[in-house]
Every structure is written in structure tokens, then in C-alpha cells.
Amino acid sequence: MSSITFSEDDLPPFDVAGELQKMLDENTVEAGQRSNITAAINMYQKGELPKSIGPFTIFQDGKVCTIPDFHKGTPWWIEVGLYNVALQQ
């Protein structure tokens, strides 16, 4: 059986921060998500996302939160690093 090799270089370029900004500009997200998406955009622009450690990042109340800090009743947003998951396999 042959193995499949996969690297980050195999992925087409995709401007995640640009796509998220477009969602804000076109007002296609609920008001409660705006701070979460803005926080994600800032992290992409600073190079903090996508993360090389862990397959996802959760945002709530405009900040990164962990599962133990997650609370019900407030909108949340998750950024998933699918290529990270594929590279770990």
C-alpha cells in the first residue's frame, strides 16, 4: 500500500482574513459575532493563525477562549486548521 504525502505547499492560496473581512463588510454575520470575527482577523494578520499547535481556536466575547472557559449564552466562533489535522495524520 502506498502512502500519501501532503504538505502545506500543496494547498492553494486562500486569504482567510480577507474572506472574514468581506463577511464583516457585507454585513453577512450577526452583530454578536462581529467581535469574534474581528479577533480572528487580527490573529491572522499577526501570523498567530493558523496555529501549528491544536486543530482549532475558539473565540467568544472577542477573545480566544478555551473549552473550560467557554460559557453558554454568548455567541462563539471557531477557526479550524484543517491542514494541521491533515498534516498530523
N, C-alpha and C. Protein backbone atom coordinates (compact mmCIF):
# COMPACT_ATOMS: atom_id res chain seq x y z
N MET A 1 0.85 -1.18 0.00
CA MET A 1 0.00 0.00 0.00
C MET A 1 0.89 1.24 0.00
N SER A 2 0.61 2.17 -0.88
CA SER A 2 1.41 3.39 -0.94
C SER A 2 0.85 4.43 0.02
N SER A 3 1.73 5.29 0.46
CA SER A 3 1.29 6.35 1.38
C SER A 3 1.12 7.65 0.60
N ILE A 4 0.28 8.48 1.12
CA ILE A 4 0.02 9.78 0.50
C ILE A 4 0.79 10.83 1.29
N THR A 5 1.54 11.62 0.59
CA THR A 5 2.23 12.71 1.27
C THR A 5 1.47 14.00 1.03
N PHE A 6 1.48 14.84 2.02
CA PHE A 6 0.72 16.09 1.98
C PHE A 6 1.54 17.15 2.68
N SER A 7 1.63 18.30 2.06
CA SER A 7 2.31 19.40 2.74
C SER A 7 1.48 20.67 2.59
N GLU A 8 1.81 21.64 3.40
CA GLU A 8 1.13 22.93 3.37
C GLU A 8 1.26 23.57 1.99
N ASP A 9 2.37 23.29 1.30
CA ASP A 9 2.61 23.86 -0.03
C ASP A 9 1.64 23.33 -1.08
N ASP A 10 0.97 22.21 -0.79
CA ASP A 10 0.02 21.62 -1.74
C ASP A 10 -1.30 22.36 -1.78
N LEU A 11 -1.54 23.22 -0.80
CA LEU A 11 -2.81 23.93 -0.71
C LEU A 11 -2.81 25.18 -1.58
N PRO A 12 -3.93 25.47 -2.22
CA PRO A 12 -4.00 26.71 -2.98
C PRO A 12 -4.00 27.90 -2.03
N PRO A 13 -3.50 29.05 -2.47
CA PRO A 13 -3.52 30.22 -1.58
C PRO A 13 -4.96 30.63 -1.26
N PHE A 14 -5.18 30.98 -0.02
CA PHE A 14 -6.52 31.38 0.41
C PHE A 14 -6.36 32.44 1.48
N ASP A 15 -6.96 33.58 1.26
CA ASP A 15 -6.87 34.71 2.17
C ASP A 15 -8.01 34.63 3.19
N VAL A 16 -7.78 33.92 4.26
CA VAL A 16 -8.82 33.72 5.27
C VAL A 16 -9.22 35.07 5.88
N ALA A 17 -8.22 35.86 6.27
CA ALA A 17 -8.53 37.16 6.88
C ALA A 17 -9.34 38.02 5.92
N GLY A 18 -9.01 37.97 4.64
CA GLY A 18 -9.75 38.74 3.64
C GLY A 18 -11.19 38.28 3.51
N GLU A 19 -11.38 36.97 3.54
CA GLU A 19 -12.75 36.42 3.46
C GLU A 19 -13.56 36.78 4.70
N LEU A 20 -12.92 36.73 5.86
CA LEU A 20 -13.63 37.12 7.08
C LEU A 20 -13.98 38.60 7.05
N GLN A 21 -13.03 39.43 6.58
CA GLN A 21 -13.29 40.86 6.48
C GLN A 21 -14.44 41.13 5.51
N LYS A 22 -14.49 40.38 4.45
CA LYS A 22 -15.58 40.53 3.47
C LYS A 22 -16.93 40.24 4.13
N MET A 23 -16.97 39.22 5.00
CA MET A 23 -18.20 38.92 5.72
C MET A 23 -18.64 40.10 6.57
N LEU A 24 -17.66 40.77 7.23
CA LEU A 24 -17.99 41.94 8.04
C LEU A 24 -18.44 43.09 7.17
N ASP A 25 -17.69 43.32 6.08
CA ASP A 25 -18.01 44.45 5.19
C ASP A 25 -19.39 44.31 4.56
N GLU A 26 -19.74 43.08 4.20
CA GLU A 26 -21.04 42.83 3.56
C GLU A 26 -22.15 42.60 4.57
N ASN A 27 -21.80 42.67 5.85
CA ASN A 27 -22.76 42.53 6.94
C ASN A 27 -23.56 41.22 6.84
N THR A 28 -22.82 40.13 6.61
CA THR A 28 -23.48 38.83 6.48
C THR A 28 -23.40 38.00 7.76
N VAL A 29 -22.96 38.62 8.85
CA VAL A 29 -22.87 37.91 10.13
C VAL A 29 -23.70 38.66 11.17
N GLU A 30 -24.13 37.93 12.17
CA GLU A 30 -24.90 38.54 13.25
C GLU A 30 -24.01 39.50 14.03
N ALA A 31 -24.62 40.52 14.59
CA ALA A 31 -23.89 41.54 15.34
C ALA A 31 -23.05 40.94 16.46
N GLY A 32 -23.58 39.91 17.12
CA GLY A 32 -22.86 39.27 18.22
C GLY A 32 -21.59 38.56 17.81
N GLN A 33 -21.42 38.29 16.52
CA GLN A 33 -20.22 37.60 16.03
C GLN A 33 -19.13 38.56 15.59
N ARG A 34 -19.47 39.82 15.42
CA ARG A 34 -18.50 40.77 14.85
C ARG A 34 -17.20 40.85 15.66
N SER A 35 -17.30 40.89 16.98
CA SER A 35 -16.08 40.99 17.79
C SER A 35 -15.25 39.71 17.70
N ASN A 36 -15.93 38.57 17.59
CA ASN A 36 -15.20 37.30 17.46
C ASN A 36 -14.46 37.22 16.14
N ILE A 37 -15.14 37.62 15.07
CA ILE A 37 -14.52 37.58 13.74
C ILE A 37 -13.40 38.60 13.64
N THR A 38 -13.59 39.76 14.23
CA THR A 38 -12.54 40.77 14.24
C THR A 38 -11.29 40.25 14.97
N ALA A 39 -11.50 39.56 16.08
CA ALA A 39 -10.37 38.98 16.81
C ALA A 39 -9.65 37.94 15.96
N ALA A 40 -10.40 37.12 15.23
CA ALA A 40 -9.78 36.12 14.35
C ALA A 40 -8.98 36.81 13.24
N ILE A 41 -9.55 37.85 12.63
CA ILE A 41 -8.84 38.59 11.58
C ILE A 41 -7.52 39.13 12.12
N ASN A 42 -7.57 39.74 13.30
CA ASN A 42 -6.34 40.29 13.89
C ASN A 42 -5.29 39.22 14.10
N MET A 43 -5.70 38.04 14.53
CA MET A 43 -4.73 36.96 14.73
C MET A 43 -4.15 36.47 13.41
N TYR A 44 -4.97 36.38 12.36
CA TYR A 44 -4.45 36.02 11.04
C TYR A 44 -3.44 37.06 10.56
N GLN A 45 -3.76 38.33 10.73
CA GLN A 45 -2.88 39.40 10.27
C GLN A 45 -1.56 39.43 11.03
N LYS A 46 -1.57 39.03 12.30
CA LYS A 46 -0.35 38.98 13.10
C LYS A 46 0.43 37.68 12.90
N GLY A 47 -0.14 36.74 12.14
CA GLY A 47 0.52 35.46 11.92
C GLY A 47 0.29 34.46 13.04
N GLU A 48 -0.63 34.77 13.95
CA GLU A 48 -0.92 33.87 15.07
C GLU A 48 -1.87 32.74 14.68
N LEU A 49 -2.54 32.91 13.56
CA LEU A 49 -3.38 31.86 12.98
C LEU A 49 -2.94 31.67 11.54
N PRO A 50 -3.04 30.50 10.98
CA PRO A 50 -3.50 29.27 11.64
C PRO A 50 -2.44 28.77 12.62
N LYS A 51 -2.89 28.15 13.67
CA LYS A 51 -1.99 27.63 14.69
C LYS A 51 -1.32 26.36 14.21
N SER A 52 -0.09 26.20 14.64
CA SER A 52 0.59 24.94 14.33
C SER A 52 0.35 23.93 15.45
N ILE A 53 -0.17 24.40 16.56
CA ILE A 53 -0.48 23.50 17.68
C ILE A 53 -1.98 23.53 17.90
N GLY A 54 -2.59 22.38 17.80
CA GLY A 54 -4.02 22.28 18.01
C GLY A 54 -4.80 22.55 16.74
N PRO A 55 -5.89 21.82 16.57
CA PRO A 55 -6.65 21.91 15.33
C PRO A 55 -7.66 23.05 15.27
N PHE A 56 -7.92 23.77 16.38
CA PHE A 56 -8.93 24.82 16.34
C PHE A 56 -8.65 25.91 17.37
N THR A 57 -9.28 27.07 17.13
CA THR A 57 -9.22 28.19 18.06
C THR A 57 -10.65 28.69 18.23
N ILE A 58 -11.09 28.83 19.48
CA ILE A 58 -12.44 29.30 19.79
C ILE A 58 -12.37 30.76 20.23
N PHE A 59 -13.29 31.55 19.70
CA PHE A 59 -13.41 32.96 20.09
C PHE A 59 -14.77 33.17 20.74
N GLN A 60 -14.77 33.89 21.83
CA GLN A 60 -16.02 34.26 22.49
C GLN A 60 -15.81 35.62 23.14
N ASP A 61 -16.76 36.50 22.98
CA ASP A 61 -16.67 37.87 23.50
C ASP A 61 -15.44 38.60 22.96
N GLY A 62 -15.05 38.29 21.72
CA GLY A 62 -13.93 38.96 21.08
C GLY A 62 -12.57 38.53 21.55
N LYS A 63 -12.50 37.41 22.29
CA LYS A 63 -11.23 36.91 22.82
C LYS A 63 -11.12 35.42 22.55
N VAL A 64 -9.88 34.93 22.54
CA VAL A 64 -9.67 33.49 22.45
C VAL A 64 -10.11 32.88 23.77
N CYS A 65 -10.83 31.79 23.69
CA CYS A 65 -11.23 31.11 24.92
C CYS A 65 -10.93 29.62 24.79
N THR A 66 -10.77 28.99 25.91
CA THR A 66 -10.55 27.55 25.94
C THR A 66 -11.87 26.87 26.28
N ILE A 67 -11.92 25.60 26.07
CA ILE A 67 -13.17 24.87 26.35
C ILE A 67 -13.60 25.04 27.81
N PRO A 68 -12.69 24.97 28.79
CA PRO A 68 -13.15 25.19 30.17
C PRO A 68 -13.70 26.59 30.41
N ASP A 69 -13.23 27.59 29.63
CA ASP A 69 -13.70 28.97 29.81
C ASP A 69 -14.97 29.26 29.02
N PHE A 70 -15.33 28.35 28.13
CA PHE A 70 -16.49 28.54 27.26
C PHE A 70 -17.76 28.63 28.11
N HIS A 71 -18.62 29.60 27.79
CA HIS A 71 -19.87 29.72 28.54
C HIS A 71 -21.05 29.84 27.59
N LYS A 72 -22.16 29.33 28.02
CA LYS A 72 -23.37 29.36 27.20
C LYS A 72 -23.97 30.76 27.19
N GLY A 73 -24.72 31.03 26.15
CA GLY A 73 -25.48 32.27 26.08
C GLY A 73 -24.79 33.40 25.34
N THR A 74 -23.53 33.23 25.00
CA THR A 74 -22.80 34.26 24.25
C THR A 74 -22.36 33.66 22.93
N PRO A 75 -22.49 34.39 21.81
CA PRO A 75 -22.06 33.83 20.53
C PRO A 75 -20.57 33.47 20.55
N TRP A 76 -20.24 32.42 19.82
CA TRP A 76 -18.85 31.98 19.71
C TRP A 76 -18.53 31.70 18.25
N TRP A 77 -17.25 31.72 17.95
CA TRP A 77 -16.75 31.49 16.59
C TRP A 77 -15.56 30.54 16.71
N ILE A 78 -15.44 29.62 15.77
CA ILE A 78 -14.32 28.69 15.80
C ILE A 78 -13.59 28.73 14.46
N GLU A 79 -12.28 28.81 14.52
CA GLU A 79 -11.42 28.72 13.34
C GLU A 79 -10.74 27.36 13.41
N VAL A 80 -10.89 26.60 12.36
CA VAL A 80 -10.36 25.24 12.32
C VAL A 80 -9.21 25.18 11.33
N GLY A 81 -8.08 24.67 11.79
CA GLY A 81 -6.91 24.49 10.92
C GLY A 81 -6.93 23.11 10.31
N LEU A 82 -7.72 22.92 9.26
CA LEU A 82 -7.86 21.59 8.67
C LEU A 82 -6.54 21.06 8.14
N TYR A 83 -5.71 21.93 7.59
CA TYR A 83 -4.46 21.42 7.06
C TYR A 83 -3.58 20.90 8.18
N ASN A 84 -3.69 21.49 9.38
CA ASN A 84 -2.92 20.99 10.52
C ASN A 84 -3.33 19.57 10.86
N VAL A 85 -4.64 19.32 10.82
CA VAL A 85 -5.14 17.98 11.13
C VAL A 85 -4.64 17.00 10.08
N ALA A 86 -4.67 17.39 8.81
CA ALA A 86 -4.22 16.51 7.74
C ALA A 86 -2.73 16.23 7.85
N LEU A 87 -1.93 17.22 8.26
CA LEU A 87 -0.50 17.02 8.37
C LEU A 87 -0.14 16.10 9.53
N GLN A 88 -0.99 16.03 10.54
CA GLN A 88 -0.72 15.19 11.69
C GLN A 88 -1.04 13.73 11.43
N GLN A 89 -1.77 13.44 10.39
CA GLN A 89 -2.21 12.07 10.10
C GLN A 89 -1.11 11.28 9.43
